[in-house]
Amino acid sequence: MNYTSLIQIQSDLKAGKVTCIDLVNYYLERIHQYNPELNVFLEVYTDEALKQAAEVDTKIKTGTAGRLAGMIVGCLLYTSD
């Protein structure tokens, strides 16, 4: 996965090329890979992020997602103290 903008992510989400769960898993893997040396995140809420991703995926599939579907999950995943 190599996204350079949120617009690309949203486009692929709408097209079904990627799911929110795919994205969250990818970024969780990167966090677990690099956080030990970077020490950026004090806590990572894996279960909560995956739950939110599944909820957004369901909304996308049923056509009930808002125009920013998928964006909030990604942004919240990167919020740190």
PDB file of N, CA and C in Angstrom:
ATOM      1  N   MET A   1       0.844  -1.177   0.000  1.00  0.00           N
ATOM      2  CA  MET A   1       0.000   0.000   0.000  1.00  0.00           C
ATOM      3  C   MET A   1       0.883   1.232   0.000  1.00  0.00           C
ATOM      4  N   ASN A   2       0.603   2.100  -0.929  1.00  0.00           N
ATOM      5  CA  ASN A   2       1.400   3.310  -1.011  1.00  0.00           C
ATOM      6  C   ASN A   2       0.496   4.479  -1.389  1.00  0.00           C
ATOM      7  N   TYR A   3      -0.162   5.031  -0.405  1.00  0.00           N
ATOM      8  CA  TYR A   3      -1.054   6.160  -0.645  1.00  0.00           C
ATOM      9  C   TYR A   3      -0.354   7.456  -0.285  1.00  0.00           C
ATOM     10  N   THR A   4      -0.570   8.461  -1.122  1.00  0.00           N
ATOM     11  CA  THR A   4       0.026   9.764  -0.855  1.00  0.00           C
ATOM     12  C   THR A   4      -1.019  10.815  -0.492  1.00  0.00           C
ATOM     13  N   SER A   5      -2.307  10.437  -0.544  1.00  0.00           N
ATOM     14  CA  SER A   5      -3.346  11.388  -0.163  1.00  0.00           C
ATOM     15  C   SER A   5      -4.578  10.658   0.352  1.00  0.00           C
ATOM     16  N   LEU A   6      -5.349  11.372   1.154  1.00  0.00           N
ATOM     17  CA  LEU A   6      -6.606  10.816   1.642  1.00  0.00           C
ATOM     18  C   LEU A   6      -7.612  10.664   0.515  1.00  0.00           C
ATOM     19  N   ILE A   7      -7.491  11.484  -0.509  1.00  0.00           N
ATOM     20  CA  ILE A   7      -8.391  11.386  -1.666  1.00  0.00           C
ATOM     21  C   ILE A   7      -8.196  10.048  -2.377  1.00  0.00           C
ATOM     22  N   GLN A   8      -6.954   9.595  -2.504  1.00  0.00           N
ATOM     23  CA  GLN A   8      -6.672   8.293  -3.122  1.00  0.00           C
ATOM     24  C   GLN A   8      -7.288   7.166  -2.291  1.00  0.00           C
ATOM     25  N   ILE A   9      -7.157   7.270  -0.986  1.00  0.00           N
ATOM     26  CA  ILE A   9      -7.720   6.243  -0.105  1.00  0.00           C
ATOM     27  C   ILE A   9      -9.231   6.207  -0.263  1.00  0.00           C
ATOM     28  N   GLN A  10      -9.868   7.364  -0.215  1.00  0.00           N
ATOM     29  CA  GLN A  10     -11.319   7.426  -0.332  1.00  0.00           C
ATOM     30  C   GLN A  10     -11.783   6.865  -1.676  1.00  0.00           C
ATOM     31  N   SER A  11     -11.060   7.170  -2.735  1.00  0.00           N
ATOM     32  CA  SER A  11     -11.406   6.659  -4.060  1.00  0.00           C
ATOM     33  C   SER A  11     -11.337   5.135  -4.097  1.00  0.00           C
ATOM     34  N   ASP A  12     -10.272   4.566  -3.539  1.00  0.00           N
ATOM     35  CA  ASP A  12     -10.125   3.105  -3.514  1.00  0.00           C
ATOM     36  C   ASP A  12     -11.151   2.448  -2.601  1.00  0.00           C
ATOM     37  N   LEU A  13     -11.518   3.123  -1.516  1.00  0.00           N
ATOM     38  CA  LEU A  13     -12.568   2.593  -0.653  1.00  0.00           C
ATOM     39  C   LEU A  13     -13.892   2.506  -1.403  1.00  0.00           C
ATOM     40  N   LYS A  14     -14.235   3.568  -2.106  1.00  0.00           N
ATOM     41  CA  LYS A  14     -15.488   3.599  -2.867  1.00  0.00           C
ATOM     42  C   LYS A  14     -15.485   2.562  -3.979  1.00  0.00           C
ATOM     43  N   ALA A  15     -14.327   2.359  -4.605  1.00  0.00           N
ATOM     44  CA  ALA A  15     -14.217   1.410  -5.719  1.00  0.00           C
ATOM     45  C   ALA A  15     -14.122  -0.035  -5.236  1.00  0.00           C
ATOM     46  N   GLY A  16     -13.951  -0.234  -3.935  1.00  0.00           N
ATOM     47  CA  GLY A  16     -13.836  -1.587  -3.398  1.00  0.00           C
ATOM     48  C   GLY A  16     -12.463  -2.205  -3.580  1.00  0.00           C
ATOM     49  N   LYS A  17     -11.475  -1.382  -3.923  1.00  0.00           N
ATOM     50  CA  LYS A  17     -10.107  -1.893  -4.099  1.00  0.00           C
ATOM     51  C   LYS A  17      -9.433  -2.174  -2.761  1.00  0.00           C
ATOM     52  N   VAL A  18      -9.910  -1.518  -1.718  1.00  0.00           N
ATOM     53  CA  VAL A  18      -9.351  -1.672  -0.382  1.00  0.00           C
ATOM     54  C   VAL A  18     -10.485  -1.477   0.619  1.00  0.00           C
ATOM     55  N   THR A  19     -10.344  -2.074   1.782  1.00  0.00           N
ATOM     56  CA  THR A  19     -11.332  -1.879   2.843  1.00  0.00           C
ATOM     57  C   THR A  19     -10.688  -1.104   3.987  1.00  0.00           C
ATOM     58  N   CYS A  20     -11.520  -0.583   4.847  1.00  0.00           N
ATOM     59  CA  CYS A  20     -10.988   0.104   6.022  1.00  0.00           C
ATOM     60  C   CYS A  20     -10.193  -0.861   6.889  1.00  0.00           C
ATOM     61  N   ILE A  21     -10.672  -2.078   6.989  1.00  0.00           N
ATOM     62  CA  ILE A  21      -9.944  -3.075   7.783  1.00  0.00           C
ATOM     63  C   ILE A  21      -8.562  -3.318   7.184  1.00  0.00           C
ATOM     64  N   ASP A  22      -8.468  -3.392   5.859  1.00  0.00           N
ATOM     65  CA  ASP A  22      -7.160  -3.539   5.205  1.00  0.00           C
ATOM     66  C   ASP A  22      -6.233  -2.395   5.595  1.00  0.00           C
ATOM     67  N   LEU A  23      -6.757  -1.178   5.514  1.00  0.00           N
ATOM     68  CA  LEU A  23      -5.955   0.007   5.825  1.00  0.00           C
ATOM     69  C   LEU A  23      -5.508   0.018   7.278  1.00  0.00           C
ATOM     70  N   VAL A  24      -6.442  -0.252   8.168  1.00  0.00           N
ATOM     71  CA  VAL A  24      -6.103  -0.232   9.598  1.00  0.00           C
ATOM     72  C   VAL A  24      -5.069  -1.304   9.906  1.00  0.00           C
ATOM     73  N   ASN A  25      -5.248  -2.499   9.372  1.00  0.00           N
ATOM     74  CA  ASN A  25      -4.266  -3.564   9.606  1.00  0.00           C
ATOM     75  C   ASN A  25      -2.888  -3.175   9.078  1.00  0.00           C
ATOM     76  N   TYR A  26      -2.847  -2.567   7.898  1.00  0.00           N
ATOM     77  CA  TYR A  26      -1.571  -2.146   7.327  1.00  0.00           C
ATOM     78  C   TYR A  26      -0.866  -1.148   8.246  1.00  0.00           C
ATOM     79  N   TYR A  27      -1.600  -0.132   8.678  1.00  0.00           N
ATOM     80  CA  TYR A  27      -0.974   0.893   9.514  1.00  0.00           C
ATOM     81  C   TYR A  27      -0.671   0.385  10.925  1.00  0.00           C
ATOM     82  N   LEU A  28      -1.478  -0.528  11.432  1.00  0.00           N
ATOM     83  CA  LEU A  28      -1.156  -1.136  12.731  1.00  0.00           C
ATOM     84  C   LEU A  28       0.153  -1.920  12.648  1.00  0.00           C
ATOM     85  N   GLU A  29       0.334  -2.652  11.557  1.00  0.00           N
ATOM     86  CA  GLU A  29       1.583  -3.387  11.369  1.00  0.00           C
ATOM     87  C   GLU A  29       2.777  -2.441  11.354  1.00  0.00           C
ATOM     88  N   ARG A  30       2.627  -1.318  10.669  1.00  0.00           N
ATOM     89  CA  ARG A  30       3.722  -0.336  10.606  1.00  0.00           C
ATOM     90  C   ARG A  30       3.987   0.282  11.982  1.00  0.00           C
ATOM     91  N   ILE A  31       2.937   0.550  12.707  1.00  0.00           N
ATOM     92  CA  ILE A  31       3.106   1.092  14.060  1.00  0.00           C
ATOM     93  C   ILE A  31       3.880   0.103  14.918  1.00  0.00           C
ATOM     94  N   HIS A  32       3.464  -1.164  14.880  1.00  0.00           N
ATOM     95  CA  HIS A  32       4.147  -2.174  15.697  1.00  0.00           C
ATOM     96  C   HIS A  32       5.585  -2.405  15.230  1.00  0.00           C
ATOM     97  N   GLN A  33       5.823  -2.200  13.951  1.00  0.00           N
ATOM     98  CA  GLN A  33       7.170  -2.375  13.408  1.00  0.00           C
ATOM     99  C   GLN A  33       8.103  -1.236  13.833  1.00  0.00           C
ATOM    100  N   TYR A  34       7.615  -0.001  13.747  1.00  0.00           N
ATOM    101  CA  TYR A  34       8.497   1.152  13.950  1.00  0.00           C
ATOM    102  C   TYR A  34       8.396   1.826  15.312  1.00  0.00           C
ATOM    103  N   ASN A  35       7.308   1.602  16.023  1.00  0.00           N
ATOM    104  CA  ASN A  35       7.143   2.311  17.290  1.00  0.00           C
ATOM    105  C   ASN A  35       8.199   1.956  18.339  1.00  0.00           C
ATOM    106  N   PRO A  36       8.692   0.733  18.394  1.00  0.00           N
ATOM    107  CA  PRO A  36       9.713   0.454  19.407  1.00  0.00           C
ATOM    108  C   PRO A  36      10.946   1.369  19.311  1.00  0.00           C
ATOM    109  N   GLU A  37      11.339   1.725  18.103  1.00  0.00           N
ATOM    110  CA  GLU A  37      12.500   2.618  17.989  1.00  0.00           C
ATOM    111  C   GLU A  37      12.116   4.091  17.932  1.00  0.00           C
ATOM    112  N   LEU A  38      10.922   4.402  17.416  1.00  0.00           N
ATOM    113  CA  LEU A  38      10.489   5.799  17.325  1.00  0.00           C
ATOM    114  C   LEU A  38       9.791   6.282  18.593  1.00  0.00           C
ATOM    115  N   ASN A  39       9.140   5.358  19.265  1.00  0.00           N
ATOM    116  CA  ASN A  39       8.429   5.664  20.512  1.00  0.00           C
ATOM    117  C   ASN A  39       7.458   6.832  20.345  1.00  0.00           C
ATOM    118  N   VAL A  40       6.651   6.768  19.308  1.00  0.00           N
ATOM    119  CA  VAL A  40       5.693   7.825  19.002  1.00  0.00           C
ATOM    120  C   VAL A  40       4.381   7.616  19.751  1.00  0.00           C
ATOM    121  N   PHE A  41       3.922   6.378  19.841  1.00  0.00           N
ATOM    122  CA  PHE A  41       2.629   6.080  20.431  1.00  0.00           C
ATOM    123  C   PHE A  41       2.792   5.516  21.836  1.00  0.00           C
ATOM    124  N   LEU A  42       2.064   6.117  22.766  1.00  0.00           N
ATOM    125  CA  LEU A  42       2.061   5.594  24.125  1.00  0.00           C
ATOM    126  C   LEU A  42       1.160   4.375  24.218  1.00  0.00           C
ATOM    127  N   GLU A  43       0.034   4.432  23.512  1.00  0.00           N
ATOM    128  CA  GLU A  43      -0.902   3.318  23.472  1.00  0.00           C
ATOM    129  C   GLU A  43      -1.474   3.211  22.074  1.00  0.00           C
ATOM    130  N   VAL A  44      -1.737   1.995  21.654  1.00  0.00           N
ATOM    131  CA  VAL A  44      -2.372   1.737  20.371  1.00  0.00           C
ATOM    132  C   VAL A  44      -3.625   0.910  20.658  1.00  0.00           C
ATOM    133  N   TYR A  45      -4.746   1.419  20.224  1.00  0.00           N
ATOM    134  CA  TYR A  45      -6.036   0.775  20.495  1.00  0.00           C
ATOM    135  C   TYR A  45      -6.441  -0.091  19.305  1.00  0.00           C
ATOM    136  N   THR A  46      -5.774  -1.208  19.169  1.00  0.00           N
ATOM    137  CA  THR A  46      -5.955  -2.099  18.036  1.00  0.00           C
ATOM    138  C   THR A  46      -7.397  -2.564  17.896  1.00  0.00           C
ATOM    139  N   ASP A  47      -7.971  -3.111  18.961  1.00  0.00           N
ATOM    140  CA  ASP A  47      -9.328  -3.646  18.889  1.00  0.00           C
ATOM    141  C   ASP A  47     -10.338  -2.576  18.524  1.00  0.00           C
ATOM    142  N   GLU A  48     -10.195  -1.414  19.124  1.00  0.00           N
ATOM    143  CA  GLU A  48     -11.127  -0.319  18.855  1.00  0.00           C
ATOM    144  C   GLU A  48     -11.007   0.162  17.410  1.00  0.00           C
ATOM    145  N   ALA A  49      -9.786   0.264  16.914  1.00  0.00           N
ATOM    146  CA  ALA A  49      -9.566   0.707  15.534  1.00  0.00           C
ATOM    147  C   ALA A  49     -10.170  -0.285  14.545  1.00  0.00           C
ATOM    148  N   LEU A  50      -9.974  -1.571  14.798  1.00  0.00           N
ATOM    149  CA  LEU A  50     -10.533  -2.588  13.908  1.00  0.00           C
ATOM    150  C   LEU A  50     -12.058  -2.612  13.964  1.00  0.00           C
ATOM    151  N   LYS A  51     -12.612  -2.383  15.139  1.00  0.00           N
ATOM    152  CA  LYS A  51     -14.071  -2.333  15.282  1.00  0.00           C
ATOM    153  C   LYS A  51     -14.637  -1.159  14.486  1.00  0.00           C
ATOM    154  N   GLN A  52     -14.025   0.000  14.621  1.00  0.00           N
ATOM    155  CA  GLN A  52     -14.477   1.172  13.864  1.00  0.00           C
ATOM    156  C   GLN A  52     -14.329   0.939  12.362  1.00  0.00           C
ATOM    157  N   ALA A  53     -13.246   0.331  11.962  1.00  0.00           N
ATOM    158  CA  ALA A  53     -13.022   0.052  10.546  1.00  0.00           C
ATOM    159  C   ALA A  53     -14.109  -0.869  10.000  1.00  0.00           C
ATOM    160  N   ALA A  54     -14.464  -1.889  10.761  1.00  0.00           N
ATOM    161  CA  ALA A  54     -15.519  -2.820  10.331  1.00  0.00           C
ATOM    162  C   ALA A  54     -16.856  -2.095  10.205  1.00  0.00           C
ATOM    163  N   GLU A  55     -17.130  -1.182  11.127  1.00  0.00           N
ATOM    164  CA  GLU A  55     -18.376  -0.420  11.068  1.00  0.00           C
ATOM    165  C   GLU A  55     -18.424   0.462   9.820  1.00  0.00           C
ATOM    166  N   VAL A  56     -17.310   1.107   9.503  1.00  0.00           N
ATOM    167  CA  VAL A  56     -17.267   1.951   8.304  1.00  0.00           C
ATOM    168  C   VAL A  56     -17.385   1.091   7.050  1.00  0.00           C
ATOM    169  N   ASP A  57     -16.714  -0.059   7.028  1.00  0.00           N
ATOM    170  CA  ASP A  57     -16.823  -0.963   5.874  1.00  0.00           C
ATOM    171  C   ASP A  57     -18.271  -1.373   5.644  1.00  0.00           C
ATOM    172  N   THR A  58     -18.984  -1.672   6.711  1.00  0.00           N
ATOM    173  CA  THR A  58     -20.395  -2.052   6.599  1.00  0.00           C
ATOM    174  C   THR A  58     -21.210  -0.902   6.016  1.00  0.00           C
ATOM    175  N   LYS A  59     -20.960   0.310   6.491  1.00  0.00           N
ATOM    176  CA  LYS A  59     -21.684   1.476   5.969  1.00  0.00           C
ATOM    177  C   LYS A  59     -21.370   1.721   4.499  1.00  0.00           C
ATOM    178  N   ILE A  60     -20.129   1.519   4.117  1.00  0.00           N
ATOM    179  CA  ILE A  60     -19.760   1.695   2.707  1.00  0.00           C
ATOM    180  C   ILE A  60     -20.501   0.668   1.854  1.00  0.00           C
ATOM    181  N   LYS A  61     -20.530  -0.586   2.303  1.00  0.00           N
ATOM    182  CA  LYS A  61     -21.180  -1.655   1.537  1.00  0.00           C
ATOM    183  C   LYS A  61     -22.679  -1.448   1.416  1.00  0.00           C
ATOM    184  N   THR A  62     -23.298  -0.884   2.458  1.00  0.00           N
ATOM    185  CA  THR A  62     -24.749  -0.693   2.439  1.00  0.00           C
ATOM    186  C   THR A  62     -25.156   0.660   1.879  1.00  0.00           C
ATOM    187  N   GLY A  63     -24.176   1.478   1.525  1.00  0.00           N
ATOM    188  CA  GLY A  63     -24.477   2.781   0.946  1.00  0.00           C
ATOM    189  C   GLY A  63     -24.928   3.824   1.946  1.00  0.00           C
ATOM    190  N   THR A  64     -24.655   3.599   3.226  1.00  0.00           N
ATOM    191  CA  THR A  64     -25.074   4.551   4.263  1.00  0.00           C
ATOM    192  C   THR A  64     -23.914   5.372   4.817  1.00  0.00           C
ATOM    193  N   ALA A  65     -22.761   5.247   4.202  1.00  0.00           N
ATOM    194  CA  ALA A  65     -21.579   5.976   4.669  1.00  0.00           C
ATOM    195  C   ALA A  65     -21.633   7.418   4.181  1.00  0.00           C
ATOM    196  N   GLY A  66     -21.145   8.323   4.979  1.00  0.00           N
ATOM    197  CA  GLY A  66     -21.049   9.715   4.582  1.00  0.00           C
ATOM    198  C   GLY A  66     -19.917   9.912   3.587  1.00  0.00           C
ATOM    199  N   ARG A  67     -19.773  11.119   3.092  1.00  0.00           N
ATOM    200  CA  ARG A  67     -18.773  11.365   2.053  1.00  0.00           C
ATOM    201  C   ARG A  67     -17.344  11.273   2.567  1.00  0.00           C
ATOM    202  N   LEU A  68     -17.150  11.323   3.876  1.00  0.00           N
ATOM    203  CA  LEU A  68     -15.808  11.211   4.447  1.00  0.00           C
ATOM    204  C   LEU A  68     -15.540   9.819   5.017  1.00  0.00           C
ATOM    205  N   ALA A  69     -16.327   8.855   4.622  1.00  0.00           N
ATOM    206  CA  ALA A  69     -16.179   7.498   5.153  1.00  0.00           C
ATOM    207  C   ALA A  69     -14.750   7.006   4.987  1.00  0.00           C
ATOM    208  N   GLY A  70     -14.221   6.482   6.071  1.00  0.00           N
ATOM    209  CA  GLY A  70     -12.863   5.944   6.044  1.00  0.00           C
ATOM    210  C   GLY A  70     -11.813   6.940   6.469  1.00  0.00           C
ATOM    211  N   MET A  71     -12.099   8.202   6.338  1.00  0.00           N
ATOM    212  CA  MET A  71     -11.105   9.213   6.679  1.00  0.00           C
ATOM    213  C   MET A  71     -10.910   9.328   8.180  1.00  0.00           C
ATOM    214  N   ILE A  72     -11.992   9.275   8.928  1.00  0.00           N
ATOM    215  CA  ILE A  72     -11.900   9.454  10.374  1.00  0.00           C
ATOM    216  C   ILE A  72     -11.131   8.303  11.013  1.00  0.00           C
ATOM    217  N   VAL A  73     -11.376   7.080  10.556  1.00  0.00           N
ATOM    218  CA  VAL A  73     -10.666   5.937  11.120  1.00  0.00           C
ATOM    219  C   VAL A  73      -9.161   6.130  10.980  1.00  0.00           C
ATOM    220  N   GLY A  74      -8.723   6.494   9.806  1.00  0.00           N
ATOM    221  CA  GLY A  74      -7.291   6.707   9.578  1.00  0.00           C
ATOM    222  C   GLY A  74      -6.723   7.823  10.408  1.00  0.00           C
ATOM    223  N   CYS A  75      -7.457   8.914  10.531  1.00  0.00           N
ATOM    224  CA  CYS A  75      -6.974  10.058  11.302  1.00  0.00           C
ATOM    225  C   CYS A  75      -6.921   9.747  12.781  1.00  0.00           C
ATOM    226  N   LEU A  76      -7.937   9.081  13.291  1.00  0.00           N
ATOM    227  CA  LEU A  76      -7.940   8.754  14.710  1.00  0.00           C
ATOM    228  C   LEU A  76      -6.842   7.774  15.060  1.00  0.00           C
ATOM    229  N   LEU A  77      -6.506   6.931  14.122  1.00  0.00           N
ATOM    230  CA  LEU A  77      -5.457   5.947  14.363  1.00  0.00           C
ATOM    231  C   LEU A  77      -4.115   6.634  14.633  1.00  0.00           C
ATOM    232  N   TYR A  78      -3.915   7.800  14.029  1.00  0.00           N
ATOM    233  CA  TYR A  78      -2.642   8.494  14.163  1.00  0.00           C
ATOM    234  C   TYR A  78      -2.641   9.587  15.208  1.00  0.00           C
ATOM    235  N   THR A  79      -3.678   9.702  15.977  1.00  0.00           N
ATOM    236  CA  THR A  79      -3.696  10.687  17.044  1.00  0.00           C
ATOM    237  C   THR A  79      -2.845  10.176  18.196  1.00  0.00           C
ATOM    238  N   SER A  80      -1.938  10.990  18.670  1.00  0.00           N
ATOM    239  CA  SER A  80      -1.101  10.569  19.789  1.00  0.00           C
ATOM    240  C   SER A  80      -0.895  11.728  20.753  1.00  0.00           C
ATOM    241  N   ASP A  81      -0.521  11.414  21.965  1.00  0.00           N
ATOM    242  CA  ASP A  81      -0.272  12.437  22.976  1.00  0.00           C
ATOM    243  C   ASP A  81       1.157  12.920  22.885  1.00  0.00           C
TER     244      ASP A  81
END
